[in-house]
Protein backbone atom coordinates (compact mmCIF):
# COMPACT_ATOMS: atom_id res chain seq x y z
CA MET A 1 -9.61 -51.33 22.78
CA MET A 2 -12.63 -49.70 21.08
CA LYS A 3 -12.53 -49.13 17.31
CA THR A 4 -11.97 -45.76 15.74
CA PHE A 5 -11.78 -44.36 12.29
CA PHE A 6 -10.12 -41.12 13.33
CA ALA A 7 -9.50 -39.66 16.71
CA SER A 8 -8.43 -41.66 19.86
CA PRO A 9 -11.34 -43.81 21.31
CA GLY A 10 -10.17 -43.62 25.00
CA ARG A 11 -12.31 -41.98 27.62
CA SER A 12 -11.69 -40.82 31.10
CA SER A 13 -13.82 -42.22 33.93
CA GLN A 14 -16.63 -40.13 35.48
CA VAL A 15 -14.70 -39.99 38.67
CA GLU A 16 -11.61 -38.51 36.89
CA ILE A 17 -13.86 -36.13 34.98
CA PHE A 18 -15.51 -34.72 38.25
CA ASN A 19 -12.11 -34.48 39.88
CA THR A 20 -10.95 -32.45 37.00
CA ASN A 21 -13.96 -30.22 37.09
CA LEU A 22 -13.17 -29.60 40.81
CA THR A 23 -9.59 -28.86 40.01
CA LEU A 24 -10.50 -26.36 37.19
CA SER A 25 -12.99 -24.69 39.43
CA GLY A 26 -10.13 -23.87 41.73
CA PHE A 27 -8.61 -21.61 39.12
CA THR A 28 -10.92 -18.81 40.12
CA ASP A 29 -9.62 -16.04 37.80
CA ASN A 30 -9.78 -18.30 34.74
CA CYS A 31 -13.33 -19.50 35.55
CA LEU A 32 -14.57 -15.98 36.31
CA VAL A 33 -13.35 -14.72 32.93
CA LEU A 34 -15.00 -17.63 31.10
CA ASN A 35 -18.17 -17.16 33.00
CA LEU A 36 -18.41 -13.43 32.18
CA ILE A 37 -18.06 -13.76 28.37
CA PRO A 38 -21.18 -14.29 26.26
CA ASN A 39 -19.59 -16.96 24.12
CA LEU A 40 -20.48 -20.60 24.49
CA VAL A 41 -17.30 -22.11 25.95
CA LEU A 42 -16.26 -25.66 27.03
CA ILE A 43 -13.01 -26.98 28.34
CA LEU A 44 -12.01 -30.45 27.08
CA ASN A 45 -9.60 -32.87 28.57
CA GLU A 46 -7.00 -34.99 26.64
CA ASN A 47 -9.82 -37.32 25.55
CA ARG A 48 -11.95 -34.49 24.21
CA GLN A 49 -14.48 -34.88 27.02
CA ILE A 50 -16.17 -31.91 28.68
CA VAL A 51 -14.71 -31.02 32.09
CA PHE A 52 -16.13 -27.53 32.39
CA ALA A 53 -18.95 -25.44 30.75
CA ASN A 54 -19.29 -21.67 31.21
CA ASN A 55 -22.48 -20.00 32.31
CA ALA A 56 -23.39 -18.94 28.75
CA MET A 57 -23.16 -22.60 27.66
CA LEU A 58 -25.24 -23.76 30.61
CA LYS A 59 -27.88 -21.05 29.75
CA TYR A 60 -27.92 -22.17 26.05
CA LEU A 61 -28.49 -25.72 27.17
CA ASN A 62 -31.16 -24.58 29.74
CA LEU A 63 -29.05 -26.19 32.62
CA ARG A 64 -28.44 -24.81 36.03
CA ILE A 65 -25.33 -27.00 36.77
CA SER A 66 -22.99 -28.77 34.43
CA ASP A 67 -23.03 -32.28 36.02
CA SER A 68 -25.30 -33.80 33.49
CA ILE A 69 -22.90 -32.97 30.61
CA LEU A 70 -19.52 -33.53 32.22
CA GLY A 71 -17.76 -36.43 30.36
CA LEU A 72 -19.54 -35.93 27.18
CA ARG A 73 -17.76 -34.98 23.95
CA PRO A 74 -19.10 -31.94 21.82
CA GLY A 75 -20.86 -34.02 19.18
CA GLU A 76 -22.66 -35.95 21.93
CA LEU A 77 -23.68 -32.72 23.61
CA ILE A 78 -25.27 -31.34 20.47
CA ASN A 79 -26.71 -34.64 19.36
CA CYS A 80 -24.84 -35.13 16.24
CA ILE A 81 -26.32 -37.93 14.12
CA HIS A 82 -22.92 -39.58 13.95
CA SER A 83 -22.02 -39.37 17.59
CA ASP A 84 -23.01 -42.95 18.37
CA ASP A 85 -22.01 -44.60 15.06
CA THR A 86 -19.19 -46.30 16.95
CA GLU A 87 -18.95 -47.59 20.47
CA ALA A 88 -16.32 -45.00 21.23
CA GLY A 89 -18.58 -42.11 20.48
CA CYS A 90 -17.88 -38.61 18.92
CA GLY A 91 -14.70 -38.27 16.94
CA THR A 92 -14.31 -41.95 16.11
CA ALA A 93 -16.73 -42.39 13.17
CA LYS A 94 -15.85 -42.29 9.46
CA ASN A 95 -17.63 -39.03 9.08
CA CYS A 96 -15.61 -37.46 11.84
CA MET A 97 -12.68 -37.42 9.46
CA VAL A 98 -14.33 -34.39 7.70
CA CYS A 99 -15.68 -32.77 10.93
CA GLY A 100 -14.28 -29.27 11.47
CA ALA A 101 -14.89 -29.47 15.19
CA VAL A 102 -12.85 -32.72 15.78
CA LYS A 103 -10.05 -31.53 13.51
CA SER A 104 -9.77 -28.21 15.37
CA ILE A 105 -9.65 -30.02 18.74
CA LEU A 106 -6.91 -32.35 17.62
CA SER A 107 -4.94 -29.28 16.31
CA SER A 108 -5.23 -27.46 19.58
CA GLN A 109 -4.04 -30.50 21.44
CA ASN A 110 -0.86 -30.05 19.50
CA GLY A 111 -0.66 -26.43 20.54
CA GLU A 112 -2.41 -24.56 17.72
CA ILE A 113 -5.15 -21.95 17.89
CA VAL A 114 -7.71 -22.84 15.22
CA ASP A 115 -10.89 -21.52 13.72
CA GLU A 116 -13.01 -23.97 11.68
CA GLU A 117 -16.61 -24.26 10.39
CA CYS A 118 -18.52 -27.40 11.37
CA ARG A 119 -21.70 -28.71 9.75
CA ILE A 120 -23.80 -30.92 12.01
CA LEU A 121 -26.84 -32.96 11.07
CA THR A 122 -28.63 -33.91 14.36
CA LYS A 123 -30.60 -37.09 15.18
CA GLN A 124 -33.76 -34.96 14.78
CA SER A 125 -32.74 -34.22 11.15
CA ASP A 126 -32.03 -30.55 12.02
CA ALA A 127 -29.02 -28.98 10.27
CA VAL A 128 -26.76 -26.64 12.31
CA ASP A 129 -23.66 -24.80 11.17
CA TYR A 130 -21.26 -23.79 13.80
CA LYS A 131 -18.11 -21.52 13.91
CA VAL A 132 -15.60 -23.28 16.05
CA HIS A 133 -12.68 -21.76 17.84
CA THR A 134 -10.23 -23.83 19.77
CA ALA A 135 -7.11 -23.05 21.73
CA PRO A 136 -4.68 -24.95 24.04
CA LEU A 137 -4.80 -24.38 27.77
CA ASP A 138 -2.00 -25.67 29.87
CA LEU A 139 -2.58 -25.99 33.70
CA GLU A 140 -0.41 -27.89 36.21
CA GLY A 141 1.37 -29.82 33.58
CA LYS A 142 -1.78 -30.94 31.78
CA ARG A 143 -3.03 -29.72 28.35
CA TYR A 144 -6.68 -28.90 27.87
CA VAL A 145 -8.61 -27.42 24.98
CA ILE A 146 -10.74 -24.38 25.19
CA PHE A 147 -13.67 -25.08 22.83
CA SER A 148 -15.92 -22.21 21.75
CA ILE A 149 -18.78 -22.49 19.30
CA THR A 150 -21.12 -19.93 17.58
CA ASP A 151 -24.32 -20.85 15.80
CA ILE A 152 -24.02 -19.40 12.30
CA SER A 153 -26.89 -21.40 10.81
CA ASP A 154 -28.95 -18.38 9.93
CA VAL A 155 -26.07 -16.70 8.26
CA LYS A 156 -25.19 -19.77 6.20
CA ARG A 157 -28.77 -20.50 5.32
CA LYS A 158 -29.36 -17.03 4.13
CA ARG A 159 -26.24 -17.04 1.93
CA ILE A 160 -27.12 -20.41 0.38
CA LEU A 161 -30.80 -19.55 -0.25
CA GLU A 162 -29.72 -16.28 -1.82
CA ARG A 163 -27.23 -17.85 -4.07
CA ILE A 164 -29.54 -20.71 -5.21
CA PHE A 165 -32.36 -18.22 -5.66
CA PHE A 166 -30.23 -15.85 -7.86
CA HIS A 167 -28.60 -18.83 -9.75
CA ASP A 168 -31.49 -21.07 -10.50
CA ILE A 169 -34.38 -18.57 -10.62
CA LEU A 170 -32.54 -15.94 -12.72
CA ASN A 171 -31.27 -18.68 -15.12
CA THR A 172 -34.88 -19.83 -15.69
CA ALA A 173 -36.30 -16.26 -15.91
CA GLY A 174 -33.54 -15.37 -18.37
CA GLY A 175 -34.57 -18.27 -20.54
CA ILE A 176 -38.19 -17.14 -20.54
CA ARG A 177 -37.21 -13.65 -21.46
CA GLY A 178 -35.03 -14.87 -24.30
CA PHE A 179 -37.74 -16.98 -25.90
CA ALA A 180 -40.35 -14.38 -25.35
CA GLU A 181 -38.10 -11.86 -27.32
CA LEU A 182 -37.81 -14.39 -30.19
CA LEU A 183 -41.64 -14.49 -30.36
CA GLU A 184 -41.73 -11.12 -32.03
CA SER A 185 -39.78 -12.35 -35.08
CA ALA A 186 -40.97 -16.10 -35.01
CA SER A 187 -42.52 -17.77 -37.99
CA PRO A 188 -45.94 -19.45 -37.46
CA GLU A 189 -44.23 -22.79 -37.07
CA GLU A 190 -41.89 -21.49 -34.52
CA LEU A 191 -44.60 -19.81 -32.40
CA GLY A 192 -46.00 -23.09 -31.29
CA GLU A 193 -42.50 -24.54 -30.45
CA PHE A 194 -41.43 -21.37 -28.54
CA GLY A 195 -44.68 -21.29 -26.66
CA THR A 196 -44.24 -24.92 -25.52
CA ILE A 197 -40.63 -24.06 -24.32
CA ILE A 198 -41.86 -20.95 -22.39
CA ASP A 199 -44.63 -22.84 -20.77
CA SER A 200 -42.02 -25.56 -19.66
CA LEU A 201 -39.56 -22.81 -18.31
CA THR A 202 -42.43 -21.18 -16.49
CA GLU A 203 -43.39 -24.44 -14.93
CA ASN A 204 -39.76 -24.88 -13.80
CA LEU A 205 -39.72 -21.45 -12.41
CA ILE A 206 -42.80 -22.00 -10.27
CA GLU A 207 -41.35 -25.30 -8.98
CA GLU A 208 -38.04 -23.61 -8.05
CA ILE A 209 -39.91 -20.91 -6.09
CA GLN A 210 -42.25 -23.35 -4.29
CA ALA A 211 -39.23 -25.57 -3.47
CA GLN A 212 -37.45 -22.69 -1.61
CA ARG A 213 -40.70 -21.76 0.13
CA ASP A 214 -41.35 -25.37 1.32
CA LEU A 215 -37.74 -25.70 2.51
CA ILE A 216 -37.76 -22.47 4.59
CA ALA A 217 -41.11 -23.60 6.10
CA ALA A 218 -39.68 -27.06 6.88
CA GLU A 219 -36.66 -25.67 8.55
CA ASN A 220 -38.80 -23.37 10.69
CA GLY A 221 -41.24 -26.19 11.68
CA GLU A 222 -43.97 -24.38 9.93
CA LEU A 223 -44.61 -26.91 7.12
CA VAL A 224 -48.19 -28.05 6.92
CA LEU A 225 -48.65 -31.62 5.67
CA GLN A 226 -51.38 -32.56 3.33
CA PHE A 227 -51.72 -36.28 3.21
CA GLN A 228 -53.66 -37.81 0.36
CA THR A 229 -53.81 -41.01 -1.62
CA VAL A 230 -51.04 -41.08 -4.24
CA ASN A 231 -50.28 -43.43 -7.05
CA THR A 232 -46.58 -44.11 -7.14
CA LEU A 233 -46.34 -44.71 -10.81
CA THR A 234 -48.17 -41.51 -11.60
CA VAL A 235 -45.91 -39.49 -9.20
CA ILE A 236 -42.73 -40.87 -10.86
CA GLN A 237 -44.00 -40.31 -14.47
CA THR A 238 -44.95 -36.67 -13.47
CA VAL A 239 -41.53 -35.90 -12.07
CA ILE A 240 -39.80 -37.50 -15.10
CA GLN A 241 -41.98 -35.53 -17.56
CA LEU A 242 -41.03 -32.27 -15.61
CA TYR A 243 -37.42 -32.80 -15.76
CA GLN A 244 -37.28 -34.15 -19.34
CA LYS A 245 -37.99 -30.56 -20.28
CA HIS A 246 -35.55 -29.04 -17.77
CA GLN A 247 -32.36 -27.43 -18.92
CA VAL A 248 -30.23 -29.91 -16.78
CA ALA A 249 -31.64 -32.72 -18.88
CA ASN A 250 -30.10 -31.38 -22.24
CA GLU A 251 -28.30 -34.21 -24.15
CA LYS A 252 -29.22 -36.71 -21.27
CA PHE A 253 -31.75 -39.33 -21.03
CA ILE A 254 -34.20 -40.31 -18.22
CA GLU A 255 -35.55 -43.85 -18.13
CA LEU A 256 -38.28 -45.48 -15.93
CA ALA A 257 -36.92 -48.78 -14.60
CA VAL A 258 -38.73 -51.81 -16.12
CA ASP A 259 -39.30 -53.36 -12.69
CA THR A 260 -40.93 -50.28 -11.28
CA GLN A 261 -44.11 -51.29 -9.44
CA GLU A 262 -47.43 -49.39 -9.12
CA ASN A 263 -48.76 -48.94 -5.62
CA VAL A 264 -51.23 -46.63 -3.80
CA PHE A 265 -50.82 -45.27 -0.39
CA ALA A 266 -51.27 -41.99 1.71
CA THR A 267 -48.52 -39.46 1.88
CA ASP A 268 -48.08 -35.79 1.18
CA ALA A 269 -47.86 -35.80 -2.65
CA ARG A 270 -46.25 -32.37 -2.87
CA LEU A 271 -43.23 -33.32 -0.59
CA LEU A 272 -42.97 -36.70 -2.25
CA ARG A 273 -42.74 -35.03 -5.82
CA ARG A 274 -40.27 -32.41 -4.46
CA SER A 275 -38.06 -35.02 -2.96
CA LEU A 276 -37.92 -37.30 -6.03
CA GLY A 277 -37.46 -34.25 -8.19
CA ASN A 278 -34.50 -33.11 -6.21
CA LEU A 279 -32.82 -36.53 -6.47
CA LEU A 280 -33.45 -36.52 -10.27
CA LYS A 281 -32.20 -33.10 -10.70
CA ASN A 282 -29.00 -33.81 -8.74
CA ALA A 283 -28.47 -37.02 -10.87
CA LEU A 284 -28.81 -35.12 -14.09
CA GLU A 285 -26.43 -32.43 -12.98
CA ALA A 286 -23.82 -35.16 -12.03
CA SER A 287 -24.29 -36.92 -15.45
CA GLU A 288 -22.43 -36.39 -18.69
CA GLU A 289 -23.85 -35.76 -22.18
CA GLY A 290 -25.42 -39.00 -23.47
CA ASP A 291 -25.67 -40.56 -19.98
CA ILE A 292 -28.91 -42.36 -18.83
CA VAL A 293 -30.49 -41.65 -15.55
CA THR A 294 -32.77 -44.28 -14.16
CA VAL A 295 -35.82 -43.72 -11.88
CA ARG A 296 -37.24 -46.75 -10.00
CA GLY A 297 -39.93 -47.46 -7.56
CA VAL A 298 -40.48 -50.82 -5.82
CA LYS A 299 -42.51 -52.16 -2.85
CA LYS A 300 -40.61 -54.10 -0.21
CA LEU A 301 -42.74 -55.40 2.73
CA ASN A 302 -44.84 -52.46 4.00
CA HIS A 303 -42.64 -49.75 2.48
CA TYR A 304 -42.09 -48.24 -0.96
CA ILE A 305 -38.58 -47.45 -2.13
CA PHE A 306 -38.04 -44.55 -4.57
CA SER A 307 -34.59 -44.37 -6.17
CA VAL A 308 -32.61 -42.47 -8.86
CA HIS A 309 -29.40 -43.89 -10.45
CA ASN A 310 -26.71 -42.30 -12.45
CA TRP A 311 -23.38 -43.52 -13.68
CA SER A 312 -21.14 -40.97 -11.97
CA SER A 313 -19.56 -41.79 -8.70
CA ILE A 314 -18.94 -39.80 -5.62
CA PRO A 315 -15.37 -39.66 -4.13
CA PRO A 316 -15.23 -41.37 -0.68
CA ASP A 317 -14.24 -38.14 1.13
CA LEU A 318 -17.19 -36.32 -0.32
CA GLN A 319 -19.60 -39.14 0.54
CA LEU A 320 -19.01 -38.33 4.12
CA GLN A 321 -20.62 -34.92 3.84
CA ILE A 322 -23.69 -35.77 1.71
CA PHE A 323 -26.94 -34.64 3.24
CA LYS A 324 -25.36 -31.65 5.02
CA ARG A 325 -27.08 -28.41 4.22
CA SER A 326 -24.16 -26.27 3.07
CA PHE A 327 -22.25 -29.07 1.29
CA SER A 328 -22.38 -29.75 -2.39
CA THR A 329 -20.27 -31.76 -4.79
CA LYS A 330 -21.02 -29.18 -7.49
CA ALA A 331 -19.95 -25.75 -6.05
CA ASN A 332 -19.57 -23.76 -2.87
CA ASP A 333 -22.87 -22.87 -1.15
CA ARG A 334 -24.99 -25.03 -3.38
CA GLY A 335 -25.82 -27.87 -1.18
CA LEU A 336 -29.52 -27.94 -0.52
CA GLY A 337 -30.82 -30.70 -2.78
CA THR A 338 -29.94 -33.85 -0.81
CA TYR A 339 -30.20 -32.03 2.53
CA SER A 340 -33.73 -31.02 1.72
CA VAL A 341 -34.71 -34.57 0.78
CA LYS A 342 -33.39 -35.94 4.10
CA LEU A 343 -35.16 -33.24 5.98
CA LEU A 344 -38.52 -33.66 4.21
CA ILE A 345 -38.44 -37.48 4.12
CA GLU A 346 -37.19 -38.18 7.61
CA LYS A 347 -38.66 -35.30 9.63
CA TYR A 348 -42.03 -35.00 7.87
CA LEU A 349 -42.79 -38.13 6.09
CA TYR A 350 -41.48 -40.65 8.59
CA GLY A 351 -39.21 -42.26 6.13
CA ARG A 352 -35.47 -42.76 5.57
CA ALA A 353 -33.04 -41.36 2.97
CA GLY A 354 -29.68 -42.74 1.88
CA PHE A 355 -27.36 -43.44 -1.02
CA ILE A 356 -24.84 -45.91 -2.49
CA SER A 357 -21.93 -44.82 -4.62
CA ASP A 358 -19.29 -46.95 -6.36
CA PRO A 359 -17.00 -46.24 -9.32
CA MET A 360 -18.09 -49.43 -11.06
CA TYR A 361 -21.81 -49.16 -10.59
CA GLY A 362 -22.43 -45.43 -10.29
CA THR A 363 -24.59 -43.73 -7.63
CA THR A 364 -28.04 -44.42 -6.36
CA PHE A 365 -29.86 -42.04 -4.16
CA TYR A 366 -32.96 -43.48 -2.51
CA PHE A 367 -35.72 -42.83 0.14
CA ILE A 368 -38.01 -45.33 1.74
CA LEU A 369 -41.54 -44.41 2.89
CA PRO A 370 -43.88 -46.37 5.02
CA MET A 371 -47.20 -47.29 3.26
CA LYS A 372 -48.84 -46.83 6.62
CA PRO A 373 -47.40 -43.43 7.80
CA GLY A 374 -49.62 -43.52 11.03
CA ALA A 375 -47.76 -46.68 12.26
CA ALA A 376 -44.44 -45.15 11.57
CA LYS A 377 -45.34 -42.01 13.43
CA GLN A 378 -46.46 -44.03 16.50
CA ASN A 379 -43.00 -45.75 16.34
CA GLY A 380 -41.25 -42.45 16.28
CA GLY A 381 -40.69 -42.67 12.55
CA ARG A 382 -38.36 -45.70 12.87
CA PHE A 383 -38.74 -48.76 10.81
CA LYS A 384 -36.75 -51.63 9.33
CA VAL A 385 -36.88 -52.93 5.80
């Protein structure tokens, strides 16, 4: 029997799937109703496989007939990055345990009508948020599940960007205003100190605004790459210097790993700094006062590995949702840091992003970049280290 970490792994044969489709098509009234509504609707069998797709779904997929998608599961249809983590497919991987779509299907198989939200990261590193509605459908002694999805990505993205903009930008702007007001009554000795702080806060403000601009452009496929020769040590030191003056680094320490290696290769320096900065900021936010956050860069074969380590660990259930756009370990609607890293690194810089977290050794987020991005591009961005 095939292995599963969550839902049942069994699948119906294609012959059974096509026979079921013919049977369902015989229920003219039901099919007519489903084909008239604008919602994207599937009917799933007891093994969570597609046995019917309404006209709206076929139009959304740019298909004339449903034959090519019959037998697939929802995650396989929408190209979820975890849909082939196991041999049994969608619903059976570790990450499926926190998937709203799978959980709603299982609940409806038990007779419940369910509404859930589902965050999907596709194999193309696109992030999609769906509203999922499922309901049981009993026909001729068999239970099916009506599965309806609505793409709410734009709504979720707008909400997250607004919250982050108001939270981070206003905090920094408020700091600038506060120190600017102090200048009026500052002593000559304080003027220089306050001026340095205001300059640092202004630099952080510009960085936050540029980060949001680049993320929106990246999601829209409008980000223009500017490849140039970069020195890895210089990039790391620049990012460390920036965040040493950031408010998230108060009472915390940033160290450059002693085994960090200096190398030179071509990449987009702006996206590289942005990605490393996001990892460092996240690590600082996850750290306690007095903690040390370590930044490292090492060459391995024809690739360069950037990593950031902190001593806090991420609970196993939360690890399954890292890199999803609207998920954050810090607060609701704050999850853009790790998501943006994966988007920029894997979709634009032909690299790979990941993390390791353990209660004993803490958490390390990393990304690996090819030192010859042209070769990685020709290989579809895939590489082995």
